[in-house]
Amino acid sequence: MERRREPRLKPQQPVVVTILDDRGQLLDAVVQDVSGRGLGLLVTQPIGAGKALKIQLENAMILGESVYCQAAGTGFYVGVELDQILDSLTSLARSLEEFSSEAPAPVTDPVRLRR
C-alpha cells in the first residue's frame, strides 16, 4: 500500500484543469515544474491571475489559484499556488462504498426519533 501524503507529480505529466468560474472551462495541460507550494503548467489558452483551478490527475485532485500567466512558445505557462490536495481518491471511493453498505438504515419513524 502506498503511503505518500501527496500525489507524485512529475514534469511532462498530462493533467486536466478546470477553471472554477461560471463557465467551468476544461483545459488539457502538461506539468512543467513542481515545487512544495506550486505548479507550473503549460496550457493552450491563457488563464488569468486569481482564477480558482481544479487540477485532475490519475488518482488525485488538486485545488489551487493561478498566480500568473505568460506566453510560452505556442501555449501559455501558468503558475499555480496550491491550496488543497486530495490523493488516493480510488481508495477513498472504495472505503465510502464499504461504509455505506455496512451502515444501518436511517431511522425515519418520527416516534422513534423522539425517544
PDB file of N, CA and C in Angstrom:
ATOM      1  N   MET A   1       0.842  -1.187   0.000  1.00  0.00           N
ATOM      2  CA  MET A   1       0.000   0.000   0.000  1.00  0.00           C
ATOM      3  C   MET A   1       0.878   1.239   0.000  1.00  0.00           C
ATOM      4  N   GLU A   2       0.534   2.168  -0.858  1.00  0.00           N
ATOM      5  CA  GLU A   2       1.289   3.394  -0.981  1.00  0.00           C
ATOM      6  C   GLU A   2       0.967   4.325   0.193  1.00  0.00           C
ATOM      7  N   ARG A   3       1.995   4.946   0.773  1.00  0.00           N
ATOM      8  CA  ARG A   3       1.771   5.762   1.959  1.00  0.00           C
ATOM      9  C   ARG A   3       2.197   7.219   1.777  1.00  0.00           C
ATOM     10  N   ARG A   4       2.333   7.666   0.531  1.00  0.00           N
ATOM     11  CA  ARG A   4       2.678   9.066   0.308  1.00  0.00           C
ATOM     12  C   ARG A   4       1.549   9.961   0.760  1.00  0.00           C
ATOM     13  N   ARG A   5       1.880  11.149   1.240  1.00  0.00           N
ATOM     14  CA  ARG A   5       0.863  12.100   1.682  1.00  0.00           C
ATOM     15  C   ARG A   5       0.373  12.981   0.546  1.00  0.00           C
ATOM     16  N   GLU A   6       1.130  13.057  -0.537  1.00  0.00           N
ATOM     17  CA  GLU A   6       0.755  13.891  -1.665  1.00  0.00           C
ATOM     18  C   GLU A   6       0.964  13.107  -2.945  1.00  0.00           C
ATOM     19  N   PRO A   7       0.203  13.447  -3.973  1.00  0.00           N
ATOM     20  CA  PRO A   7       0.375  12.725  -5.240  1.00  0.00           C
ATOM     21  C   PRO A   7       1.743  12.995  -5.839  1.00  0.00           C
ATOM     22  N   ARG A   8       2.245  12.047  -6.571  1.00  0.00           N
ATOM     23  CA  ARG A   8       3.535  12.206  -7.222  1.00  0.00           C
ATOM     24  C   ARG A   8       3.324  12.905  -8.564  1.00  0.00           C
ATOM     25  N   LEU A   9       3.782  14.117  -8.641  1.00  0.00           N
ATOM     26  CA  LEU A   9       3.702  14.899  -9.873  1.00  0.00           C
ATOM     27  C   LEU A   9       5.082  14.955 -10.486  1.00  0.00           C
ATOM     28  N   LYS A  10       5.133  14.867 -11.793  1.00  0.00           N
ATOM     29  CA  LYS A  10       6.422  14.927 -12.458  1.00  0.00           C
ATOM     30  C   LYS A  10       6.301  15.772 -13.721  1.00  0.00           C
ATOM     31  N   PRO A  11       7.393  16.371 -14.141  1.00  0.00           N
ATOM     32  CA  PRO A  11       7.367  17.153 -15.376  1.00  0.00           C
ATOM     33  C   PRO A  11       6.907  16.310 -16.562  1.00  0.00           C
ATOM     34  N   GLN A  12       6.198  16.955 -17.458  1.00  0.00           N
ATOM     35  CA  GLN A  12       5.638  16.363 -18.672  1.00  0.00           C
ATOM     36  C   GLN A  12       4.427  15.464 -18.415  1.00  0.00           C
ATOM     37  N   GLN A  13       3.915  15.480 -17.185  1.00  0.00           N
ATOM     38  CA  GLN A  13       2.725  14.696 -16.853  1.00  0.00           C
ATOM     39  C   GLN A  13       1.478  15.435 -17.331  1.00  0.00           C
ATOM     40  N   PRO A  14       0.618  14.760 -18.112  1.00  0.00           N
ATOM     41  CA  PRO A  14      -0.628  15.412 -18.543  1.00  0.00           C
ATOM     42  C   PRO A  14      -1.635  15.480 -17.395  1.00  0.00           C
ATOM     43  N   VAL A  15      -2.364  16.581 -17.326  1.00  0.00           N
ATOM     44  CA  VAL A  15      -3.416  16.782 -16.330  1.00  0.00           C
ATOM     45  C   VAL A  15      -4.585  17.489 -17.012  1.00  0.00           C
ATOM     46  N   VAL A  16      -5.724  17.511 -16.330  1.00  0.00           N
ATOM     47  CA  VAL A  16      -6.889  18.253 -16.823  1.00  0.00           C
ATOM     48  C   VAL A  16      -7.168  19.370 -15.824  1.00  0.00           C
ATOM     49  N   VAL A  17      -7.291  20.588 -16.329  1.00  0.00           N
ATOM     50  CA  VAL A  17      -7.530  21.757 -15.492  1.00  0.00           C
ATOM     51  C   VAL A  17      -8.957  22.241 -15.725  1.00  0.00           C
ATOM     52  N   THR A  18      -9.682  22.471 -14.631  1.00  0.00           N
ATOM     53  CA  THR A  18     -10.999  23.095 -14.705  1.00  0.00           C
ATOM     54  C   THR A  18     -10.888  24.470 -14.080  1.00  0.00           C
ATOM     55  N   ILE A  19     -11.304  25.485 -14.828  1.00  0.00           N
ATOM     56  CA  ILE A  19     -11.348  26.838 -14.273  1.00  0.00           C
ATOM     57  C   ILE A  19     -12.665  26.938 -13.512  1.00  0.00           C
ATOM     58  N   LEU A  20     -12.577  27.149 -12.219  1.00  0.00           N
ATOM     59  CA  LEU A  20     -13.760  27.134 -11.357  1.00  0.00           C
ATOM     60  C   LEU A  20     -14.446  28.499 -11.347  1.00  0.00           C
ATOM     61  N   ASP A  21     -15.084  28.796 -12.455  1.00  0.00           N
ATOM     62  CA  ASP A  21     -15.889  30.011 -12.553  1.00  0.00           C
ATOM     63  C   ASP A  21     -17.237  29.627 -13.137  1.00  0.00           C
ATOM     64  N   ASP A  22     -18.025  30.593 -13.537  1.00  0.00           N
ATOM     65  CA  ASP A  22     -19.370  30.290 -14.026  1.00  0.00           C
ATOM     66  C   ASP A  22     -19.375  29.495 -15.333  1.00  0.00           C
ATOM     67  N   ARG A  23     -18.276  29.488 -16.072  1.00  0.00           N
ATOM     68  CA  ARG A  23     -18.218  28.716 -17.318  1.00  0.00           C
ATOM     69  C   ARG A  23     -17.680  27.302 -17.104  1.00  0.00           C
ATOM     70  N   GLY A  24     -16.867  27.085 -16.085  1.00  0.00           N
ATOM     71  CA  GLY A  24     -16.328  25.757 -15.785  1.00  0.00           C
ATOM     72  C   GLY A  24     -15.522  25.162 -16.924  1.00  0.00           C
ATOM     73  N   GLN A  25     -14.731  25.966 -17.600  1.00  0.00           N
ATOM     74  CA  GLN A  25     -13.969  25.542 -18.771  1.00  0.00           C
ATOM     75  C   GLN A  25     -12.929  24.479 -18.414  1.00  0.00           C
ATOM     76  N   LEU A  26     -12.841  23.425 -19.243  1.00  0.00           N
ATOM     77  CA  LEU A  26     -11.850  22.360 -19.087  1.00  0.00           C
ATOM     78  C   LEU A  26     -10.716  22.580 -20.077  1.00  0.00           C
ATOM     79  N   LEU A  27      -9.476  22.409 -19.599  1.00  0.00           N
ATOM     80  CA  LEU A  27      -8.303  22.546 -20.462  1.00  0.00           C
ATOM     81  C   LEU A  27      -7.351  21.384 -20.210  1.00  0.00           C
ATOM     82  N   ASP A  28      -6.807  20.841 -21.284  1.00  0.00           N
ATOM     83  CA  ASP A  28      -5.713  19.886 -21.131  1.00  0.00           C
ATOM     84  C   ASP A  28      -4.461  20.683 -20.820  1.00  0.00           C
ATOM     85  N   ALA A  29      -3.619  20.140 -19.953  1.00  0.00           N
ATOM     86  CA  ALA A  29      -2.395  20.830 -19.568  1.00  0.00           C
ATOM     87  C   ALA A  29      -1.287  19.805 -19.358  1.00  0.00           C
ATOM     88  N   VAL A  30      -0.067  20.309 -19.280  1.00  0.00           N
ATOM     89  CA  VAL A  30       1.092  19.473 -19.009  1.00  0.00           C
ATOM     90  C   VAL A  30       1.874  20.121 -17.872  1.00  0.00           C
ATOM     91  N   VAL A  31       2.227  19.338 -16.861  1.00  0.00           N
ATOM     92  CA  VAL A  31       3.024  19.833 -15.743  1.00  0.00           C
ATOM     93  C   VAL A  31       4.430  20.139 -16.262  1.00  0.00           C
ATOM     94  N   GLN A  32       4.912  21.338 -15.982  1.00  0.00           N
ATOM     95  CA  GLN A  32       6.265  21.732 -16.377  1.00  0.00           C
ATOM     96  C   GLN A  32       7.208  21.752 -15.184  1.00  0.00           C
ATOM     97  N   ASP A  33       6.749  22.294 -14.062  1.00  0.00           N
ATOM     98  CA  ASP A  33       7.562  22.424 -12.856  1.00  0.00           C
ATOM     99  C   ASP A  33       6.721  22.065 -11.645  1.00  0.00           C
ATOM    100  N   VAL A  34       7.387  21.537 -10.614  1.00  0.00           N
ATOM    101  CA  VAL A  34       6.711  21.176  -9.376  1.00  0.00           C
ATOM    102  C   VAL A  34       7.547  21.676  -8.206  1.00  0.00           C
ATOM    103  N   SER A  35       6.875  22.333  -7.251  1.00  0.00           N
ATOM    104  CA  SER A  35       7.550  22.721  -6.013  1.00  0.00           C
ATOM    105  C   SER A  35       6.621  22.363  -4.855  1.00  0.00           C
ATOM    106  N   GLY A  36       7.062  22.596  -3.652  1.00  0.00           N
ATOM    107  CA  GLY A  36       6.253  22.256  -2.491  1.00  0.00           C
ATOM    108  C   GLY A  36       4.937  23.012  -2.413  1.00  0.00           C
ATOM    109  N   ARG A  37       4.903  24.226  -2.936  1.00  0.00           N
ATOM    110  CA  ARG A  37       3.701  25.055  -2.826  1.00  0.00           C
ATOM    111  C   ARG A  37       3.090  25.433  -4.157  1.00  0.00           C
ATOM    112  N   GLY A  38       3.662  24.926  -5.261  1.00  0.00           N
ATOM    113  CA  GLY A  38       3.133  25.361  -6.542  1.00  0.00           C
ATOM    114  C   GLY A  38       3.431  24.423  -7.695  1.00  0.00           C
ATOM    115  N   LEU A  39       2.810  24.764  -8.809  1.00  0.00           N
ATOM    116  CA  LEU A  39       2.982  24.032 -10.061  1.00  0.00           C
ATOM    117  C   LEU A  39       3.166  25.027 -11.184  1.00  0.00           C
ATOM    118  N   GLY A  40       3.879  24.609 -12.196  1.00  0.00           N
ATOM    119  CA  GLY A  40       3.933  25.341 -13.446  1.00  0.00           C
ATOM    120  C   GLY A  40       3.275  24.473 -14.498  1.00  0.00           C
ATOM    121  N   LEU A  41       2.251  24.995 -15.150  1.00  0.00           N
ATOM    122  CA  LEU A  41       1.501  24.241 -16.144  1.00  0.00           C
ATOM    123  C   LEU A  41       1.618  24.895 -17.509  1.00  0.00           C
ATOM    124  N   LEU A  42       1.693  24.074 -18.543  1.00  0.00           N
ATOM    125  CA  LEU A  42       1.644  24.562 -19.912  1.00  0.00           C
ATOM    126  C   LEU A  42       0.251  24.268 -20.444  1.00  0.00           C
ATOM    127  N   VAL A  43      -0.458  25.314 -20.864  1.00  0.00           N
ATOM    128  CA  VAL A  43      -1.824  25.190 -21.380  1.00  0.00           C
ATOM    129  C   VAL A  43      -1.913  25.846 -22.751  1.00  0.00           C
ATOM    130  N   THR A  44      -2.999  25.572 -23.468  1.00  0.00           N
ATOM    131  CA  THR A  44      -3.160  26.118 -24.823  1.00  0.00           C
ATOM    132  C   THR A  44      -3.847  27.473 -24.842  1.00  0.00           C
ATOM    133  N   GLN A  45      -4.512  27.836 -23.744  1.00  0.00           N
ATOM    134  CA  GLN A  45      -5.226  29.115 -23.659  1.00  0.00           C
ATOM    135  C   GLN A  45      -4.779  29.846 -22.398  1.00  0.00           C
ATOM    136  N   PRO A  46      -4.793  31.156 -22.425  1.00  0.00           N
ATOM    137  CA  PRO A  46      -4.391  31.891 -21.223  1.00  0.00           C
ATOM    138  C   PRO A  46      -5.411  31.717 -20.090  1.00  0.00           C
ATOM    139  N   ILE A  47      -4.889  31.712 -18.872  1.00  0.00           N
ATOM    140  CA  ILE A  47      -5.723  31.676 -17.664  1.00  0.00           C
ATOM    141  C   ILE A  47      -5.328  32.893 -16.847  1.00  0.00           C
ATOM    142  N   GLY A  48      -6.267  33.776 -16.603  1.00  0.00           N
ATOM    143  CA  GLY A  48      -5.982  34.997 -15.860  1.00  0.00           C
ATOM    144  C   GLY A  48      -5.557  34.732 -14.428  1.00  0.00           C
ATOM    145  N   ALA A  49      -4.773  35.637 -13.881  1.00  0.00           N
ATOM    146  CA  ALA A  49      -4.346  35.536 -12.486  1.00  0.00           C
ATOM    147  C   ALA A  49      -5.560  35.622 -11.567  1.00  0.00           C
ATOM    148  N   GLY A  50      -5.495  34.894 -10.476  1.00  0.00           N
ATOM    149  CA  GLY A  50      -6.565  34.927  -9.480  1.00  0.00           C
ATOM    150  C   GLY A  50      -7.702  33.955  -9.748  1.00  0.00           C
ATOM    151  N   LYS A  51      -7.581  33.100 -10.750  1.00  0.00           N
ATOM    152  CA  LYS A  51      -8.632  32.120 -11.055  1.00  0.00           C
ATOM    153  C   LYS A  51      -8.466  30.883 -10.180  1.00  0.00           C
ATOM    154  N   ALA A  52      -9.579  30.424  -9.603  1.00  0.00           N
ATOM    155  CA  ALA A  52      -9.584  29.168  -8.851  1.00  0.00           C
ATOM    156  C   ALA A  52      -9.532  28.023  -9.862  1.00  0.00           C
ATOM    157  N   LEU A  53      -8.660  27.037  -9.589  1.00  0.00           N
ATOM    158  CA  LEU A  53      -8.463  25.930 -10.505  1.00  0.00           C
ATOM    159  C   LEU A  53      -8.605  24.593  -9.801  1.00  0.00           C
ATOM    160  N   LYS A  54      -9.144  23.624 -10.534  1.00  0.00           N
ATOM    161  CA  LYS A  54      -9.136  22.228 -10.097  1.00  0.00           C
ATOM    162  C   LYS A  54      -8.267  21.491 -11.098  1.00  0.00           C
ATOM    163  N   ILE A  55      -7.254  20.797 -10.603  1.00  0.00           N
ATOM    164  CA  ILE A  55      -6.318  20.068 -11.456  1.00  0.00           C
ATOM    165  C   ILE A  55      -6.485  18.587 -11.160  1.00  0.00           C
ATOM    166  N   GLN A  56      -6.841  17.831 -12.179  1.00  0.00           N
ATOM    167  CA  GLN A  56      -7.102  16.403 -12.000  1.00  0.00           C
ATOM    168  C   GLN A  56      -6.001  15.590 -12.657  1.00  0.00           C
ATOM    169  N   LEU A  57      -5.502  14.621 -11.906  1.00  0.00           N
ATOM    170  CA  LEU A  57      -4.593  13.653 -12.444  1.00  0.00           C
ATOM    171  C   LEU A  57      -5.120  12.267 -12.117  1.00  0.00           C
ATOM    172  N   GLU A  58      -4.382  11.258 -12.435  1.00  0.00           N
ATOM    173  CA  GLU A  58      -4.885   9.883 -12.381  1.00  0.00           C
ATOM    174  C   GLU A  58      -5.695   9.548 -11.140  1.00  0.00           C
ATOM    175  N   ASN A  59      -5.164   9.762  -9.963  1.00  0.00           N
ATOM    176  CA  ASN A  59      -5.829   9.328  -8.745  1.00  0.00           C
ATOM    177  C   ASN A  59      -5.858  10.436  -7.695  1.00  0.00           C
ATOM    178  N   ALA A  60      -5.859  11.677  -8.161  1.00  0.00           N
ATOM    179  CA  ALA A  60      -5.808  12.795  -7.223  1.00  0.00           C
ATOM    180  C   ALA A  60      -6.462  14.029  -7.842  1.00  0.00           C
ATOM    181  N   MET A  61      -6.767  14.964  -6.961  1.00  0.00           N
ATOM    182  CA  MET A  61      -7.329  16.243  -7.376  1.00  0.00           C
ATOM    183  C   MET A  61      -6.635  17.327  -6.564  1.00  0.00           C
ATOM    184  N   ILE A  62      -6.260  18.395  -7.245  1.00  0.00           N
ATOM    185  CA  ILE A  62      -5.560  19.498  -6.602  1.00  0.00           C
ATOM    186  C   ILE A  62      -6.383  20.764  -6.817  1.00  0.00           C
ATOM    187  N   LEU A  63      -6.547  21.535  -5.764  1.00  0.00           N
ATOM    188  CA  LEU A  63      -7.197  22.838  -5.858  1.00  0.00           C
ATOM    189  C   LEU A  63      -6.131  23.902  -5.679  1.00  0.00           C
ATOM    190  N   GLY A  64      -6.196  24.928  -6.508  1.00  0.00           N
ATOM    191  CA  GLY A  64      -5.209  25.991  -6.420  1.00  0.00           C
ATOM    192  C   GLY A  64      -5.709  27.252  -7.081  1.00  0.00           C
ATOM    193  N   GLU A  65      -4.811  28.230  -7.159  1.00  0.00           N
ATOM    194  CA  GLU A  65      -5.154  29.514  -7.753  1.00  0.00           C
ATOM    195  C   GLU A  65      -4.059  29.915  -8.732  1.00  0.00           C
ATOM    196  N   SER A  66      -4.463  30.379  -9.902  1.00  0.00           N
ATOM    197  CA  SER A  66      -3.478  30.865 -10.872  1.00  0.00           C
ATOM    198  C   SER A  66      -2.873  32.163 -10.342  1.00  0.00           C
ATOM    199  N   VAL A  67      -1.561  32.235 -10.384  1.00  0.00           N
ATOM    200  CA  VAL A  67      -0.849  33.398  -9.872  1.00  0.00           C
ATOM    201  C   VAL A  67      -0.407  34.307 -11.020  1.00  0.00           C
ATOM    202  N   TYR A  68       0.016  33.694 -12.106  1.00  0.00           N
ATOM    203  CA  TYR A  68       0.410  34.462 -13.287  1.00  0.00           C
ATOM    204  C   TYR A  68       0.281  33.579 -14.521  1.00  0.00           C
ATOM    205  N   CYS A  69       0.288  34.212 -15.675  1.00  0.00           N
ATOM    206  CA  CYS A  69       0.205  33.509 -16.952  1.00  0.00           C
ATOM    207  C   CYS A  69       1.040  34.286 -17.951  1.00  0.00           C
ATOM    208  N   GLN A  70       1.918  33.585 -18.664  1.00  0.00           N
ATOM    209  CA  GLN A  70       2.747  34.247 -19.673  1.00  0.00           C
ATOM    210  C   GLN A  70       2.851  33.378 -20.915  1.00  0.00           C
ATOM    211  N   ALA A  71       2.994  34.021 -22.056  1.00  0.00           N
ATOM    212  CA  ALA A  71       3.144  33.299 -23.318  1.00  0.00           C
ATOM    213  C   ALA A  71       4.396  32.432 -23.252  1.00  0.00           C
ATOM    214  N   ALA A  72       4.278  31.216 -23.811  1.00  0.00           N
ATOM    215  CA  ALA A  72       5.404  30.276 -23.828  1.00  0.00           C
ATOM    216  C   ALA A  72       5.313  29.440 -25.102  1.00  0.00           C
ATOM    217  N   GLY A  73       6.055  29.831 -26.112  1.00  0.00           N
ATOM    218  CA  GLY A  73       6.013  29.117 -27.386  1.00  0.00           C
ATOM    219  C   GLY A  73       4.623  29.225 -27.999  1.00  0.00           C
ATOM    220  N   THR A  74       4.011  28.081 -28.270  1.00  0.00           N
ATOM    221  CA  THR A  74       2.674  28.089 -28.870  1.00  0.00           C
ATOM    222  C   THR A  74       1.568  28.046 -27.814  1.00  0.00           C
ATOM    223  N   GLY A  75       1.946  28.064 -26.542  1.00  0.00           N
ATOM    224  CA  GLY A  75       0.950  27.996 -25.469  1.00  0.00           C
ATOM    225  C   GLY A  75       1.189  29.055 -24.418  1.00  0.00           C
ATOM    226  N   PHE A  76       0.790  28.737 -23.201  1.00  0.00           N
ATOM    227  CA  PHE A  76       0.905  29.662 -22.079  1.00  0.00           C
ATOM    228  C   PHE A  76       1.388  28.902 -20.851  1.00  0.00           C
ATOM    229  N   TYR A  77       2.274  29.538 -20.102  1.00  0.00           N
ATOM    230  CA  TYR A  77       2.790  28.967 -18.865  1.00  0.00           C
ATOM    231  C   TYR A  77       2.035  29.613 -17.713  1.00  0.00           C
ATOM    232  N   VAL A  78       1.400  28.789 -16.895  1.00  0.00           N
ATOM    233  CA  VAL A  78       0.592  29.279 -15.771  1.00  0.00           C
ATOM    234  C   VAL A  78       1.240  28.833 -14.470  1.00  0.00           C
ATOM    235  N   GLY A  79       1.508  29.794 -13.599  1.00  0.00           N
ATOM    236  CA  GLY A  79       1.993  29.495 -12.253  1.00  0.00           C
ATOM    237  C   GLY A  79       0.797  29.310 -11.341  1.00  0.00           C
ATOM    238  N   VAL A  80       0.764  28.193 -10.607  1.00  0.00           N
ATOM    239  CA  VAL A  80      -0.370  27.864  -9.749  1.00  0.00           C
ATOM    240  C   VAL A  80       0.103  27.711  -8.312  1.00  0.00           C
ATOM    241  N   GLU A  81      -0.538  28.431  -7.406  1.00  0.00           N
ATOM    242  CA  GLU A  81      -0.298  28.256  -5.975  1.00  0.00           C
ATOM    243  C   GLU A  81      -1.261  27.197  -5.471  1.00  0.00           C
ATOM    244  N   LEU A  82      -0.717  26.154  -4.823  1.00  0.00           N
ATOM    245  CA  LEU A  82      -1.542  25.040  -4.363  1.00  0.00           C
ATOM    246  C   LEU A  82      -2.270  25.388  -3.081  1.00  0.00           C
ATOM    247  N   ASP A  83      -3.505  24.891  -2.974  1.00  0.00           N
ATOM    248  CA  ASP A  83      -4.314  25.113  -1.779  1.00  0.00           C
ATOM    249  C   ASP A  83      -4.635  23.792  -1.089  1.00  0.00           C
ATOM    250  N   GLN A  84      -5.275  22.868  -1.802  1.00  0.00           N
ATOM    251  CA  GLN A  84      -5.676  21.571  -1.240  1.00  0.00           C
ATOM    252  C   GLN A  84      -5.266  20.459  -2.190  1.00  0.00           C
ATOM    253  N   ILE A  85      -4.856  19.321  -1.619  1.00  0.00           N
ATOM    254  CA  ILE A  85      -4.512  18.156  -2.423  1.00  0.00           C
ATOM    255  C   ILE A  85      -5.277  16.966  -1.874  1.00  0.00           C
ATOM    256  N   LEU A  86      -6.064  16.348  -2.739  1.00  0.00           N
ATOM    257  CA  LEU A  86      -6.795  15.138  -2.378  1.00  0.00           C
ATOM    258  C   LEU A  86      -6.171  13.983  -3.145  1.00  0.00           C
ATOM    259  N   ASP A  87      -5.577  13.050  -2.410  1.00  0.00           N
ATOM    260  CA  ASP A  87      -4.864  11.940  -3.025  1.00  0.00           C
ATOM    261  C   ASP A  87      -5.575  10.630  -2.725  1.00  0.00           C
ATOM    262  N   SER A  88      -5.268   9.600  -3.459  1.00  0.00           N
ATOM    263  CA  SER A  88      -5.819   8.254  -3.275  1.00  0.00           C
ATOM    264  C   SER A  88      -7.337   8.260  -3.353  1.00  0.00           C
ATOM    265  N   LEU A  89      -7.889   8.925  -4.345  1.00  0.00           N
ATOM    266  CA  LEU A  89      -9.334   9.032  -4.481  1.00  0.00           C
ATOM    267  C   LEU A  89      -9.992   7.682  -4.743  1.00  0.00           C
ATOM    268  N   THR A  90      -9.299   6.771  -5.421  1.00  0.00           N
ATOM    269  CA  THR A  90      -9.852   5.439  -5.661  1.00  0.00           C
ATOM    270  C   THR A  90     -10.047   4.712  -4.338  1.00  0.00           C
ATOM    271  N   SER A  91      -9.061   4.788  -3.462  1.00  0.00           N
ATOM    272  CA  SER A  91      -9.171   4.149  -2.143  1.00  0.00           C
ATOM    273  C   SER A  91     -10.287   4.782  -1.322  1.00  0.00           C
ATOM    274  N   LEU A  92     -10.410   6.095  -1.400  1.00  0.00           N
ATOM    275  CA  LEU A  92     -11.462   6.788  -0.669  1.00  0.00           C
ATOM    276  C   LEU A  92     -12.837   6.349  -1.160  1.00  0.00           C
ATOM    277  N   ALA A  93     -13.020   6.261  -2.463  1.00  0.00           N
ATOM    278  CA  ALA A  93     -14.310   5.830  -3.018  1.00  0.00           C
ATOM    279  C   ALA A  93     -14.657   4.422  -2.564  1.00  0.00           C
ATOM    280  N   ARG A  94     -13.650   3.540  -2.560  1.00  0.00           N
ATOM    281  CA  ARG A  94     -13.881   2.166  -2.096  1.00  0.00           C
ATOM    282  C   ARG A  94     -14.286   2.144  -0.625  1.00  0.00           C
ATOM    283  N   SER A  95     -13.610   2.920   0.197  1.00  0.00           N
ATOM    284  CA  SER A  95     -13.932   2.977   1.626  1.00  0.00           C
ATOM    285  C   SER A  95     -15.345   3.508   1.847  1.00  0.00           C
ATOM    286  N   LEU A  96     -15.727   4.538   1.104  1.00  0.00           N
ATOM    287  CA  LEU A  96     -17.076   5.094   1.233  1.00  0.00           C
ATOM    288  C   LEU A  96     -18.137   4.079   0.821  1.00  0.00           C
ATOM    289  N   GLU A  97     -17.861   3.315  -0.230  1.00  0.00           N
ATOM    290  CA  GLU A  97     -18.790   2.266  -0.653  1.00  0.00           C
ATOM    291  C   GLU A  97     -18.964   1.226   0.441  1.00  0.00           C
ATOM    292  N   GLU A  98     -17.851   0.778   1.015  1.00  0.00           N
ATOM    293  CA  GLU A  98     -17.911  -0.216   2.095  1.00  0.00           C
ATOM    294  C   GLU A  98     -18.674   0.340   3.291  1.00  0.00           C
ATOM    295  N   PHE A  99     -18.399   1.578   3.648  1.00  0.00           N
ATOM    296  CA  PHE A  99     -19.070   2.194   4.794  1.00  0.00           C
ATOM    297  C   PHE A  99     -20.573   2.279   4.559  1.00  0.00           C
ATOM    298  N   SER A 100     -20.981   2.706   3.367  1.00  0.00           N
ATOM    299  CA  SER A 100     -22.410   2.866   3.096  1.00  0.00           C
ATOM    300  C   SER A 100     -23.134   1.527   3.066  1.00  0.00           C
ATOM    301  N   SER A 101     -22.452   0.458   2.650  1.00  0.00           N
ATOM    302  CA  SER A 101     -23.113  -0.844   2.636  1.00  0.00           C
ATOM    303  C   SER A 101     -23.188  -1.453   4.032  1.00  0.00           C
ATOM    304  N   GLU A 102     -22.315  -1.020   4.952  1.00  0.00           N
ATOM    305  CA  GLU A 102     -22.322  -1.539   6.320  1.00  0.00           C
ATOM    306  C   GLU A 102     -23.166  -0.693   7.261  1.00  0.00           C
ATOM    307  N   ALA A 103     -23.415   0.552   6.918  1.00  0.00           N
ATOM    308  CA  ALA A 103     -24.135   1.460   7.808  1.00  0.00           C
ATOM    309  C   ALA A 103     -25.595   1.042   7.927  1.00  0.00           C
ATOM    310  N   PRO A 104     -26.173   1.106   9.131  1.00  0.00           N
ATOM    311  CA  PRO A 104     -27.588   0.774   9.293  1.00  0.00           C
ATOM    312  C   PRO A 104     -28.462   1.809   8.577  1.00  0.00           C
ATOM    313  N   ALA A 105     -29.624   1.370   8.185  1.00  0.00           N
ATOM    314  CA  ALA A 105     -30.564   2.269   7.520  1.00  0.00           C
ATOM    315  C   ALA A 105     -30.963   3.384   8.478  1.00  0.00           C
ATOM    316  N   PRO A 106     -31.121   4.607   7.992  1.00  0.00           N
ATOM    317  CA  PRO A 106     -31.505   5.715   8.875  1.00  0.00           C
ATOM    318  C   PRO A 106     -32.911   5.511   9.433  1.00  0.00           C
ATOM    319  N   VAL A 107     -33.096   5.974  10.661  1.00  0.00           N
ATOM    320  CA  VAL A 107     -34.391   5.879  11.311  1.00  0.00           C
ATOM    321  C   VAL A 107     -35.281   6.990  10.784  1.00  0.00           C
ATOM    322  N   THR A 108     -36.429   6.639  10.234  1.00  0.00           N
ATOM    323  CA  THR A 108     -37.320   7.658   9.702  1.00  0.00           C
ATOM    324  C   THR A 108     -38.649   7.690  10.437  1.00  0.00           C
ATOM    325  N   ASP A 109     -38.858   6.787  11.376  1.00  0.00           N
ATOM    326  CA  ASP A 109     -40.078   6.750  12.158  1.00  0.00           C
ATOM    327  C   ASP A 109     -40.041   7.888  13.166  1.00  0.00           C
ATOM    328  N   PRO A 110     -40.938   8.897  13.060  1.00  0.00           N
ATOM    329  CA  PRO A 110     -40.887  10.061  13.959  1.00  0.00           C
ATOM    330  C   PRO A 110     -41.049   9.690  15.430  1.00  0.00           C
ATOM    331  N   VAL A 111     -41.764   8.639  15.717  1.00  0.00           N
ATOM    332  CA  VAL A 111     -41.948   8.223  17.106  1.00  0.00           C
ATOM    333  C   VAL A 111     -40.620   7.760  17.669  1.00  0.00           C
ATOM    334  N   ARG A 112     -39.864   7.001  16.907  1.00  0.00           N
ATOM    335  CA  ARG A 112     -38.578   6.511  17.371  1.00  0.00           C
ATOM    336  C   ARG A 112     -37.566   7.655  17.504  1.00  0.00           C
ATOM    337  N   LEU A 113     -37.687   8.661  16.686  1.00  0.00           N
ATOM    338  CA  LEU A 113     -36.741   9.773  16.737  1.00  0.00           C
ATOM    339  C   LEU A 113     -36.911  10.604  18.002  1.00  0.00           C
ATOM    340  N   ARG A 114     -38.098  10.670  18.555  1.00  0.00           N
ATOM    341  CA  ARG A 114     -38.350  11.492  19.745  1.00  0.00           C
ATOM    342  C   ARG A 114     -37.783  10.880  21.005  1.00  0.00           C
ATOM    343  N   ARG A 115     -37.544   9.627  21.034  1.00  0.00           N
ATOM    344  CA  ARG A 115     -37.111   8.972  22.275  1.00  0.00           C
ATOM    345  C   ARG A 115     -35.691   9.201  22.585  1.00  0.00           C
TER     346      ARG A 115
END
